[in-house]
Structures are given as structure tokens and as C-alpha cells.
Amino acid sequence: MTAAAVVNIVSLAAKGGAWYLLLRQSSPLRLVTGEAATFIGAAVNSVSVSISGDVVRSQIAAGRDGVPFGNAVAAVIVSRVVEAAALMGIVGIAAFSLAPDHRARLAGAAVLFLVAGFSAWWSRAPREHFEARLAKTWRTGFKDLLGRMRPAIPSAVGCAMVSWLGQWLTYYWSLRATHVDVTLTAGLAALLVANFAGVLRLTPGNVGIMQASLIVGMRGFGIRPGEALAGGLALQAIQVLPVLAIATALVGQRGLRRITQRRSEVV
């Protein structure tokens, strides 16, 4: 349980690092601010719904370092694309290293090659060539921000891959801590199922949604519903409680409550 909690914190720090690398290309953001905003935003997400945490991240960057709010939001949007590419890379690594079939390993290597190629092209393609592919409705300030963030894409993808790897280990070790006989492959499947099911963030911290997705997703690996539920509850505690403690240490209990209430009124 301790290892899962530590690696989950490292994973969240890596996620904050990816956002910082993107945003600093256009704004004077300090790393300490980017990390603090990420942890506080994650804490807000654990007690509220929708995109509250991302709004809080952007507001903290604006309030502490004078980052334009629109720039911070744009970096959040780009970081979502980066995280999707990084997740594909993690799946490729898993297929290449864990799959028993050589065709699956070749497919994993191909996915890794595509992710690396996409990152390199996005960061180094001539600006005119890149902008010509943007929708006309984007040819405003957002286009310019994208252009500034492009050089940081490879390093941001690398940070995001570290974040996803940390999440993979968090799922795996959390399930193992509840004496569920789970493999690394099943841990990755749990990560994918839970994230796809919770993409809309319909409940605070996706409570209930995560457990239901694990119960359904783990059936294919021979894990009984009760075991999957226990693992999901342990995972939720590991992901939420330490982050809440860190966020409380950063802004205080009153500050966190005030931020959460303000976001609930807006979102």
C-alpha cells in the first residue's frame, strides 16, 4: 500500500511537470507553482465533479505567477492530447514487453514508433506546414499558443509517460495489496477501463464509477466482483487521501474548502 501511495504521488508530479513544460513556453510559470496547482486541482477533483480541478489549476497559475488564464487553459487542452499519446506509448511498451505473441510485440513496437514520430513531427514541423492543418476557427490566439508549446511536446510526452507508468503501478500494487491475484497485464487493463469509464467525471473522484468499471473489466481476468470491489476501494483511498493531505498542507483546510465551494458555484 505504501509503495502504491508513493508512486501515485510521483505520477501526479510527473503530470504536473508535463503541464509546466507546455505552459512555460508562453508564460512565466514556476515549476513549484505548476506542481502545487496540479496537486490542489487533483484534490478538488476528488471532492467535486466535472472539470473543476482543471479550472482551479489555471486559476492558481494566474493568481500566483500572473499567467494569463487563457494560456493556462490552452496548456491543459494540449496536455490532454499529450497524455493520450503517452498512454498509447505505455500500451505499446506493455505489448512489446509482456505479450507472449511475436505479432503483438511487433504491434507494440509499431505503436511506440508512431508515438515517437508524432511527437517529433509536431515539435519540429515547419510552422507554416503545421498551421495549415489547423481548423480555420482556431486561427486566433490559440493557434499562436500551440505554436509556442510545440518545442516542448517530446519532453511533455516523456513526463506524461512517466505519469501513466506510475498510475499503472498504482493500480497493480493497490489490487495486490488486497490479496487479489492480478498480473501486470490485468493492472494495465484496470487502468484503461477505469479511465475510459470515468472520463466525464460524473461523481466526485469518480467514486462508484471506478469500482463498477473494475468489477466489469476484471471479470475477463478471472477476478471475482467482491475482490475487484475491494481493490477499487483501496485504490480510491490511495489516490485520494494522500493528495488531499498534500493539498491541505499547501493551502490549509479553509483554503481548500473555499476553493472547492467556489468551483461548485461556477461549474
Protein backbone atom coordinates (compact mmCIF):
# COMPACT_ATOMS: atom_id res chain seq x y z
CA MET A 1 0.00 0.00 0.00
CA THR A 2 2.83 2.39 0.86
CA ALA A 3 4.58 1.77 -2.46
CA ALA A 4 1.32 2.40 -4.33
CA ALA A 5 0.74 5.67 -2.45
CA VAL A 6 4.28 6.92 -3.14
CA VAL A 7 4.23 6.04 -6.82
CA ASN A 8 0.81 7.69 -7.17
CA ILE A 9 2.27 10.95 -5.84
CA VAL A 10 5.22 10.65 -8.24
CA SER A 11 2.74 10.05 -11.06
CA LEU A 12 0.81 13.22 -10.24
CA ALA A 13 4.04 15.21 -10.01
CA ALA A 14 5.02 13.96 -13.49
CA LYS A 15 1.61 15.02 -14.80
CA GLY A 16 2.18 18.48 -13.35
CA GLY A 17 5.63 18.51 -14.96
CA ALA A 18 4.15 17.89 -18.41
CA TRP A 19 1.71 20.80 -17.97
CA TYR A 20 4.51 23.02 -16.70
CA LEU A 21 6.75 22.22 -19.68
CA LEU A 22 3.97 23.19 -22.08
CA LEU A 23 2.80 26.32 -20.28
CA ARG A 24 6.23 27.79 -19.58
CA GLN A 25 6.78 28.19 -23.33
CA SER A 26 4.30 31.07 -23.34
CA SER A 27 4.07 32.21 -19.71
CA PRO A 28 6.34 32.88 -16.71
CA LEU A 29 5.26 29.82 -14.73
CA ARG A 30 7.47 28.48 -11.94
CA LEU A 31 7.78 24.72 -11.50
CA VAL A 32 6.73 24.95 -7.85
CA THR A 33 3.55 26.77 -8.88
CA GLY A 34 2.77 24.23 -11.60
CA GLU A 35 3.17 21.33 -9.19
CA ALA A 36 1.19 22.98 -6.39
CA ALA A 37 -1.63 23.84 -8.80
CA THR A 38 -1.70 20.26 -10.07
CA PHE A 39 -1.97 18.74 -6.59
CA ILE A 40 -4.60 21.24 -5.45
CA GLY A 41 -6.57 20.68 -8.67
CA ALA A 42 -6.43 16.91 -8.15
CA ALA A 43 -7.70 17.35 -4.59
CA VAL A 44 -10.59 19.48 -5.86
CA ASN A 45 -11.42 16.82 -8.43
CA SER A 46 -11.62 14.23 -5.67
CA VAL A 47 -14.40 16.14 -3.88
CA SER A 48 -16.22 17.72 -6.82
CA VAL A 49 -17.28 16.87 -10.37
CA SER A 50 -16.74 17.92 -13.97
CA ILE A 51 -13.61 19.96 -14.84
CA SER A 52 -13.33 21.78 -11.53
CA GLY A 53 -9.75 20.70 -10.92
CA ASP A 54 -8.52 21.96 -14.28
CA VAL A 55 -10.17 25.33 -13.70
CA VAL A 56 -8.51 25.55 -10.29
CA ARG A 57 -5.11 24.70 -11.79
CA SER A 58 -5.44 27.52 -14.28
CA GLN A 59 -6.63 30.00 -11.65
CA ILE A 60 -3.76 29.21 -9.28
CA ALA A 61 -1.22 29.70 -12.09
CA ALA A 62 -2.85 33.03 -12.89
CA GLY A 63 -3.04 34.16 -9.28
CA ARG A 64 0.44 33.15 -8.13
CA ASP A 65 2.59 33.77 -11.22
CA GLY A 66 0.48 36.12 -13.32
CA VAL A 67 -0.06 33.52 -16.05
CA PRO A 68 -2.87 34.57 -18.42
CA PHE A 69 -5.85 32.36 -17.65
CA GLY A 70 -6.39 31.57 -21.34
CA ASN A 71 -2.79 30.38 -21.68
CA ALA A 72 -3.19 28.04 -18.72
CA VAL A 73 -6.42 26.59 -20.13
CA ALA A 74 -4.80 26.14 -23.56
CA ALA A 75 -1.94 24.22 -21.91
CA VAL A 76 -4.49 21.99 -20.16
CA ILE A 77 -6.12 21.22 -23.52
CA VAL A 78 -2.80 20.43 -25.19
CA SER A 79 -1.75 18.33 -22.19
CA ARG A 80 -4.82 16.15 -22.75
CA VAL A 81 -3.60 15.37 -26.28
CA VAL A 82 -0.11 14.73 -24.93
CA GLU A 83 -1.49 12.40 -22.26
CA ALA A 84 -3.47 10.45 -24.86
CA ALA A 85 -0.33 9.99 -26.97
CA ALA A 86 1.64 8.98 -23.86
CA LEU A 87 -1.00 6.40 -22.90
CA MET A 88 -0.68 4.88 -26.37
CA GLY A 89 3.07 4.70 -25.75
CA ILE A 90 2.54 2.86 -22.45
CA VAL A 91 0.23 0.38 -24.17
CA GLY A 92 2.92 -0.11 -26.82
CA ILE A 93 5.54 -0.76 -24.14
CA ALA A 94 3.23 -3.26 -22.44
CA ALA A 95 2.56 -5.10 -25.69
CA PHE A 96 6.24 -5.15 -26.61
CA SER A 97 7.44 -6.38 -23.21
CA LEU A 98 4.59 -8.52 -21.88
CA ALA A 99 2.77 -10.02 -24.86
CA PRO A 100 3.63 -13.70 -25.48
CA ASP A 101 2.86 -13.48 -29.20
CA HIS A 102 5.51 -12.02 -31.51
CA ARG A 103 2.85 -10.27 -33.60
CA ALA A 104 1.59 -8.42 -30.53
CA ARG A 105 5.17 -7.41 -29.72
CA LEU A 106 5.62 -6.09 -33.24
CA ALA A 107 2.37 -4.15 -32.90
CA GLY A 108 3.63 -2.67 -29.63
CA ALA A 109 6.88 -1.60 -31.28
CA ALA A 110 4.88 -0.01 -34.11
CA VAL A 111 2.77 1.95 -31.63
CA LEU A 112 5.91 3.23 -29.89
CA PHE A 113 7.35 4.26 -33.25
CA LEU A 114 4.16 6.13 -34.13
CA VAL A 115 4.08 7.97 -30.80
CA ALA A 116 7.74 8.97 -31.14
CA GLY A 117 7.21 10.01 -34.77
CA PHE A 118 4.11 12.04 -33.93
CA SER A 119 5.90 13.84 -31.10
CA ALA A 120 8.90 14.64 -33.29
CA TRP A 121 6.76 15.85 -36.20
CA TRP A 122 4.55 18.01 -34.00
CA SER A 123 7.53 19.66 -32.34
CA ARG A 124 9.73 20.17 -35.43
CA ALA A 125 7.47 20.52 -38.49
CA PRO A 126 7.71 23.96 -40.18
CA ARG A 127 5.30 26.35 -38.51
CA GLU A 128 3.51 27.20 -41.78
CA HIS A 129 3.10 23.50 -42.53
CA PHE A 130 1.66 22.89 -39.06
CA GLU A 131 -0.69 25.87 -39.03
CA ALA A 132 -2.15 24.98 -42.42
CA ARG A 133 -3.67 21.88 -40.79
CA LEU A 134 -5.46 23.75 -38.03
CA ALA A 135 -9.15 24.43 -38.34
CA LYS A 136 -9.88 27.96 -39.53
CA THR A 137 -11.77 28.65 -36.33
CA TRP A 138 -8.51 28.11 -34.42
CA ARG A 139 -6.51 30.71 -36.33
CA THR A 140 -6.52 33.16 -33.47
CA GLY A 141 -4.66 33.33 -30.18
CA PHE A 142 -4.96 29.58 -29.60
CA LYS A 143 -3.02 28.92 -32.80
CA ASP A 144 -0.19 31.12 -31.58
CA LEU A 145 -0.12 29.38 -28.20
CA LEU A 146 0.04 25.99 -29.89
CA GLY A 147 2.98 27.19 -31.93
CA ARG A 148 4.83 28.27 -28.79
CA MET A 149 4.17 24.99 -26.99
CA ARG A 150 5.30 22.74 -29.83
CA PRO A 151 9.03 22.59 -28.91
CA ALA A 152 8.12 21.12 -25.51
CA ILE A 153 5.97 18.30 -26.93
CA PRO A 154 8.60 15.48 -26.78
CA SER A 155 9.62 16.24 -23.19
CA ALA A 156 5.96 16.66 -22.17
CA VAL A 157 5.12 13.28 -23.71
CA GLY A 158 8.01 11.78 -21.75
CA CYS A 159 6.67 13.24 -18.48
CA ALA A 160 3.18 12.03 -19.30
CA MET A 161 4.50 8.51 -19.97
CA VAL A 162 6.16 8.53 -16.53
CA SER A 163 2.81 9.64 -15.09
CA TRP A 164 0.91 6.81 -16.80
CA LEU A 165 3.55 4.28 -15.77
CA GLY A 166 3.11 5.45 -12.19
CA GLN A 167 -0.65 5.05 -12.49
CA TRP A 168 -0.20 1.56 -13.91
CA LEU A 169 1.92 0.54 -10.92
CA THR A 170 -0.53 2.24 -8.55
CA TYR A 171 -3.39 0.13 -9.90
CA TYR A 172 -1.32 -3.04 -9.85
CA TRP A 173 0.06 -2.63 -6.34
CA SER A 174 -3.29 -1.46 -4.94
CA LEU A 175 -5.01 -4.57 -6.22
CA ARG A 176 -2.17 -6.79 -4.99
CA ALA A 177 -2.40 -5.15 -1.55
CA THR A 178 -5.94 -6.51 -1.18
CA HIS A 179 -4.65 -10.02 -1.98
CA VAL A 180 -6.09 -10.04 -5.49
CA ASP A 181 -4.09 -12.35 -7.75
CA VAL A 182 -3.56 -9.81 -10.52
CA THR A 183 -0.92 -9.64 -13.27
CA LEU A 184 0.74 -6.55 -14.74
CA THR A 185 -1.43 -7.01 -17.83
CA ALA A 186 -4.58 -7.04 -15.70
CA GLY A 187 -3.34 -3.94 -13.87
CA LEU A 188 -2.99 -2.10 -17.17
CA ALA A 189 -6.44 -3.27 -18.25
CA ALA A 190 -7.86 -1.94 -14.98
CA LEU A 191 -6.18 1.42 -15.61
CA LEU A 192 -7.59 1.67 -19.13
CA VAL A 193 -11.12 0.60 -18.17
CA ALA A 194 -11.31 2.92 -15.16
CA ASN A 195 -10.04 5.94 -17.10
CA PHE A 196 -12.35 5.41 -20.05
CA ALA A 197 -15.35 4.90 -17.76
CA GLY A 198 -14.54 7.99 -15.71
CA VAL A 199 -13.67 10.39 -18.50
CA LEU A 200 -16.78 12.53 -17.85
CA ARG A 201 -16.15 12.78 -14.07
CA LEU A 202 -19.81 12.39 -13.14
CA THR A 203 -19.14 11.82 -9.43
CA PRO A 204 -16.58 13.33 -7.00
CA GLY A 205 -13.34 11.48 -7.61
CA ASN A 206 -15.31 9.07 -9.85
CA VAL A 207 -16.44 7.25 -6.70
CA GLY A 208 -18.63 4.31 -7.69
CA ILE A 209 -17.75 4.63 -11.37
CA MET A 210 -14.23 3.35 -10.79
CA GLN A 211 -15.42 0.41 -8.70
CA ALA A 212 -18.10 -0.55 -11.21
CA SER A 213 -15.65 -0.36 -14.11
CA LEU A 214 -13.16 -2.58 -12.27
CA ILE A 215 -15.84 -5.14 -11.46
CA VAL A 216 -16.75 -5.36 -15.16
CA GLY A 217 -13.23 -5.08 -16.54
CA MET A 218 -11.61 -7.61 -14.22
CA ARG A 219 -14.10 -10.37 -14.99
CA GLY A 220 -12.08 -11.24 -18.07
CA PHE A 221 -9.08 -11.96 -15.84
CA GLY A 222 -10.98 -14.28 -13.51
CA ILE A 223 -11.23 -11.79 -10.65
CA ARG A 224 -14.45 -12.04 -8.67
CA PRO A 225 -16.67 -8.94 -8.20
CA GLY A 226 -16.02 -8.79 -4.45
CA GLU A 227 -12.26 -8.84 -4.99
CA ALA A 228 -12.45 -6.16 -7.68
CA LEU A 229 -14.62 -4.00 -5.41
CA ALA A 230 -12.17 -4.31 -2.52
CA GLY A 231 -9.29 -3.44 -4.82
CA GLY A 232 -11.18 -0.45 -6.20
CA LEU A 233 -11.90 0.90 -2.72
CA ALA A 234 -8.25 0.53 -1.71
CA LEU A 235 -7.17 2.22 -4.93
CA GLN A 236 -9.55 5.13 -4.34
CA ALA A 237 -8.17 5.66 -0.84
CA ILE A 238 -4.58 5.58 -2.10
CA GLN A 239 -5.33 8.07 -4.88
CA VAL A 240 -7.42 10.50 -2.83
CA LEU A 241 -6.29 10.65 0.80
CA PRO A 242 -2.57 11.48 0.34
CA VAL A 243 -3.39 14.08 -2.33
CA LEU A 244 -5.96 15.70 -0.05
CA ALA A 245 -3.36 15.81 2.71
CA ILE A 246 -0.78 17.46 0.42
CA ALA A 247 -3.29 20.00 -0.87
CA THR A 248 -4.37 20.83 2.68
CA ALA A 249 -0.73 21.38 3.64
CA LEU A 250 -0.34 23.74 0.66
CA VAL A 251 -3.42 25.94 1.17
CA GLY A 252 -4.87 24.91 4.53
CA GLN A 253 -8.19 23.26 5.26
CA ARG A 254 -10.13 26.52 4.98
CA GLY A 255 -8.40 27.42 1.75
CA LEU A 256 -9.20 24.06 0.16
CA ARG A 257 -12.81 24.26 1.31
CA ARG A 258 -13.11 27.79 -0.07
CA ILE A 259 -11.66 26.77 -3.43
CA THR A 260 -13.97 23.78 -3.66
CA GLN A 261 -17.07 25.82 -2.80
CA ARG A 262 -16.15 28.48 -5.35
CA ARG A 263 -15.69 25.88 -8.08
CA SER A 264 -19.00 24.21 -7.19
CA GLU A 265 -20.78 27.51 -7.74
CA VAL A 266 -19.12 28.10 -11.12
CA VAL A 267 -19.03 24.63 -12.69
